[in-house]
Protein backbone atom coordinates (compact mmCIF):
# COMPACT_ATOMS: atom_id res chain seq x y z
CA MET A 1 50.48 -6.78 23.40
CA ALA A 2 47.81 -4.25 24.50
CA GLY A 3 45.42 -5.63 27.15
CA ALA A 4 41.73 -5.49 26.73
CA ARG A 5 39.83 -2.34 27.51
CA ARG A 6 37.34 -2.34 30.35
CA SER A 7 33.75 -1.77 29.30
CA THR A 8 32.07 1.48 30.23
CA ASP A 9 28.53 -0.38 30.02
CA TRP A 10 28.59 -1.83 33.52
CA GLY A 11 25.60 -1.71 35.80
CA PHE A 12 21.84 -1.39 35.55
CA PRO A 13 20.15 -0.09 33.46
CA ARG A 14 21.90 -0.77 30.45
CA TRP A 15 21.90 2.35 28.49
CA ARG A 16 22.26 1.03 25.01
CA GLY A 17 20.93 -2.05 23.22
CA TYR A 18 23.06 -5.28 23.03
CA GLY A 19 25.17 -5.46 20.06
CA SER A 20 25.04 -1.70 19.51
CA SER A 21 28.11 0.30 19.08
CA ARG A 22 29.24 4.02 19.33
CA ASP A 23 30.43 4.01 15.75
CA ALA A 24 28.56 6.53 13.27
CA GLN A 25 26.01 4.65 11.25
CA THR A 26 25.96 5.42 7.53
CA VAL A 27 22.59 6.39 6.13
CA ARG A 28 21.45 6.63 2.64
CA LEU A 29 19.67 9.58 1.77
CA CYS A 30 16.78 9.99 -0.52
CA ASP A 31 17.71 9.88 -4.41
CA ARG A 32 15.13 12.82 -5.01
CA HIS A 33 16.87 16.01 -5.62
CA GLY A 34 16.94 18.26 -2.75
CA CYS A 35 15.47 15.66 -0.17
CA GLU A 36 17.34 15.10 3.03
CA GLU A 37 15.07 12.22 4.42
CA ARG A 38 16.35 8.71 4.55
CA GLY A 39 16.17 6.84 1.43
CA ASP A 40 15.19 3.07 2.37
CA CYS A 41 12.45 2.54 -0.15
CA PRO A 42 14.17 0.74 -3.35
CA ALA A 43 12.38 1.41 -6.65
CA PRO A 44 13.49 0.19 -10.05
CA LYS A 45 14.80 2.78 -12.27
CA SER A 46 13.04 0.92 -15.31
CA PRO A 47 11.00 -2.32 -15.68
CA ASN A 48 12.96 -5.44 -15.33
CA SER A 49 15.98 -3.51 -14.33
CA PRO A 50 18.49 -4.47 -11.37
CA GLU A 51 19.26 -0.86 -10.73
CA ARG A 52 17.36 0.78 -8.01
CA TRP A 53 16.61 4.34 -6.91
CA TYR A 54 16.41 4.75 -3.06
CA PHE A 55 13.47 7.11 -2.02
CA CYS A 56 12.13 8.19 1.28
CA GLU A 57 8.69 7.06 2.00
CA LYS A 58 6.77 10.28 0.47
CA HIS A 59 8.93 10.18 -2.67
CA ALA A 60 8.53 6.35 -3.29
CA ALA A 61 4.75 6.89 -3.02
CA GLU A 62 4.81 9.65 -5.62
CA TYR A 63 7.25 7.55 -7.91
CA ASN A 64 4.97 4.59 -7.83
CA ARG A 65 1.67 6.36 -8.27
CA GLY A 66 2.31 6.45 -12.30
CA TRP A 67 4.12 3.00 -12.43
CA ASP A 68 2.46 0.35 -14.36
CA TYR A 69 3.68 -2.95 -13.68
CA PHE A 70 2.38 -4.84 -16.74
CA GLU A 71 3.55 -2.16 -19.08
CA GLY A 72 4.66 -3.76 -22.61
CA LEU A 73 2.64 -6.84 -21.81
CA SER A 74 -0.57 -7.89 -23.79
CA LYS A 75 -3.74 -8.57 -21.66
CA GLU A 76 -3.01 -12.17 -21.82
CA GLU A 77 0.44 -11.92 -20.69
CA ALA A 78 -0.39 -9.53 -17.98
CA ALA A 79 -3.16 -12.00 -16.61
CA ALA A 80 -0.78 -14.96 -16.73
CA ARG A 81 1.99 -13.07 -14.89
CA ALA A 82 -0.62 -11.81 -12.35
CA LYS A 83 -1.86 -15.34 -11.90
CA ALA A 84 1.66 -17.04 -11.44
CA GLU A 85 2.58 -14.31 -8.76
CA GLN A 86 -0.69 -14.75 -6.80
CA SER A 87 -0.01 -18.65 -6.74
CA GLU A 88 3.77 -17.92 -5.59
CA THR A 89 2.66 -15.38 -2.72
CA SER A 90 -0.46 -17.06 -1.49
CA GLY A 91 1.51 -17.58 1.72
CA TYR A 92 1.55 -13.92 2.71
CA LYS A 93 -2.36 -13.48 2.61
CA GLU A 94 -2.30 -14.23 6.25
CA SER A 95 -0.14 -11.22 6.99
CA VAL A 96 -2.69 -8.74 5.68
CA HIS A 97 -5.10 -10.16 8.48
CA HIS A 98 -2.37 -9.33 11.08
CA GLN A 99 -1.74 -6.08 9.39
CA TRP A 100 1.97 -6.71 8.72
CA ALA A 101 1.74 -4.54 5.71
CA GLY A 102 0.69 -0.93 5.22
CA SER A 103 -1.37 0.92 2.86
CA GLY A 104 -0.23 1.06 -0.72
CA ASP A 105 1.84 -1.87 -0.68
CA GLY A 106 -0.49 -4.52 -2.15
CA THR A 107 -2.66 -4.94 0.67
CA ARG A 108 -5.77 -4.12 -1.54
CA SER A 109 -7.05 -6.45 -4.44
CA ALA A 110 -7.70 -5.26 -7.97
CA ASP A 111 -11.37 -5.29 -7.20
CA GLU A 112 -10.96 -3.12 -4.10
CA LEU A 113 -8.86 -0.64 -6.19
CA ARG A 114 -11.62 -0.50 -8.97
CA ALA A 115 -14.29 0.09 -6.42
CA LEU A 116 -12.22 2.99 -4.88
CA ASP A 117 -11.93 4.36 -8.34
CA VAL A 118 -15.67 4.30 -8.88
CA LEU A 119 -16.09 6.15 -5.46
CA GLY A 120 -13.32 8.70 -6.38
CA LEU A 121 -11.13 7.82 -3.36
CA GLU A 122 -7.48 7.32 -2.72
CA VAL A 123 -5.89 3.88 -2.24
CA ASP A 124 -5.24 4.46 1.72
CA ALA A 125 -8.98 5.61 2.35
CA ASP A 126 -10.41 4.18 5.52
CA LEU A 127 -13.86 2.80 6.13
CA GLU A 128 -15.31 6.21 7.31
CA ALA A 129 -14.05 7.91 4.05
CA ILE A 130 -15.70 5.17 2.17
CA LYS A 131 -18.90 5.48 3.77
CA LYS A 132 -19.02 9.14 3.49
CA ALA A 133 -18.29 8.93 -0.26
CA TYR A 134 -20.96 6.07 -0.86
CA ARG A 135 -23.62 8.17 0.82
CA LEU A 136 -22.77 11.27 -1.27
CA LEU A 137 -22.69 9.58 -4.61
CA ALA A 138 -25.64 7.31 -3.85
CA LYS A 139 -27.69 10.41 -3.34
CA GLN A 140 -26.41 12.03 -6.20
CA ASN A 141 -26.93 9.20 -8.52
CA HIS A 142 -30.16 7.46 -7.35
CA PRO A 143 -32.61 6.83 -10.25
CA ASP A 144 -35.37 8.33 -8.23
CA THR A 145 -33.59 11.71 -7.92
CA ASN A 146 -32.56 11.58 -11.49
CA PRO A 147 -35.74 10.26 -13.42
CA ASP A 148 -34.68 11.81 -16.83
CA ASP A 149 -31.10 10.20 -16.71
CA LYS A 150 -30.95 6.63 -18.12
CA ASP A 151 -27.38 6.07 -17.16
CA ALA A 152 -28.31 6.97 -13.29
CA ALA A 153 -29.33 3.35 -12.45
CA GLN A 154 -26.11 2.05 -13.97
CA ARG A 155 -24.00 4.36 -11.94
CA PHE A 156 -26.05 3.53 -8.79
CA GLN A 157 -25.66 0.01 -9.18
CA ALA A 158 -21.72 0.51 -9.73
CA ILE A 159 -21.65 2.62 -6.53
CA GLN A 160 -23.54 0.17 -4.42
CA LEU A 161 -21.58 -2.78 -5.71
CA SER A 162 -18.18 -0.80 -5.01
CA TYR A 163 -19.37 -0.14 -1.43
CA GLN A 164 -20.14 -3.91 -0.75
CA VAL A 165 -16.70 -4.84 -1.97
CA LEU A 166 -14.96 -2.23 0.11
CA LYS A 167 -17.05 -3.09 3.19
CA SER A 168 -16.70 -6.89 2.93
CA ALA A 169 -12.95 -6.40 2.46
CA ALA A 170 -12.79 -4.16 5.59
CA GLU A 171 -14.81 -6.68 7.55
CA ARG A 172 -12.38 -9.57 6.46
CA ARG A 173 -9.36 -7.47 7.68
CA GLU A 174 -10.93 -6.87 11.15
CA TRP A 175 -10.20 -9.67 13.52
CA LYS A 176 -13.01 -11.14 15.42
CA PRO A 177 -12.44 -13.39 18.27
CA VAL A 178 -14.37 -16.90 18.09
């Protein structure tokens, strides 16, 4: 019977974390052809399929850009599914306040996404980019600068409403001490 081997991890400071080993760790690579990054973002191969692709963060964002979660459902079915999922996940709303989630992962509401569309911005736009786009579009579409354009007033109102939605959402996310 062989005796226990003596540890080489004695003394201070401890050079490795507790529970770590010297064995090689297996790393799953991104399923995108030619990508050598770590593939740790699962993505379904098709709607309601248990099979998954594993992409790096960059390719997962690219894959999800065209993804329609409600594909094949009627408007009523899509609304019912969205309502059911919101009621099931209401406990996670506080995590958005504490910034436990990142961009592009459901931290923006449908209203915010529509507002970003009106302003012509990406999903991960910050408040400074929102202000800049708002000022530019408001100046271009103001009814006083476009007296002959009948749709200018409607576009201007949509731009104002979009800015208000995004600004109030940014203020809600910001932590304010009592």
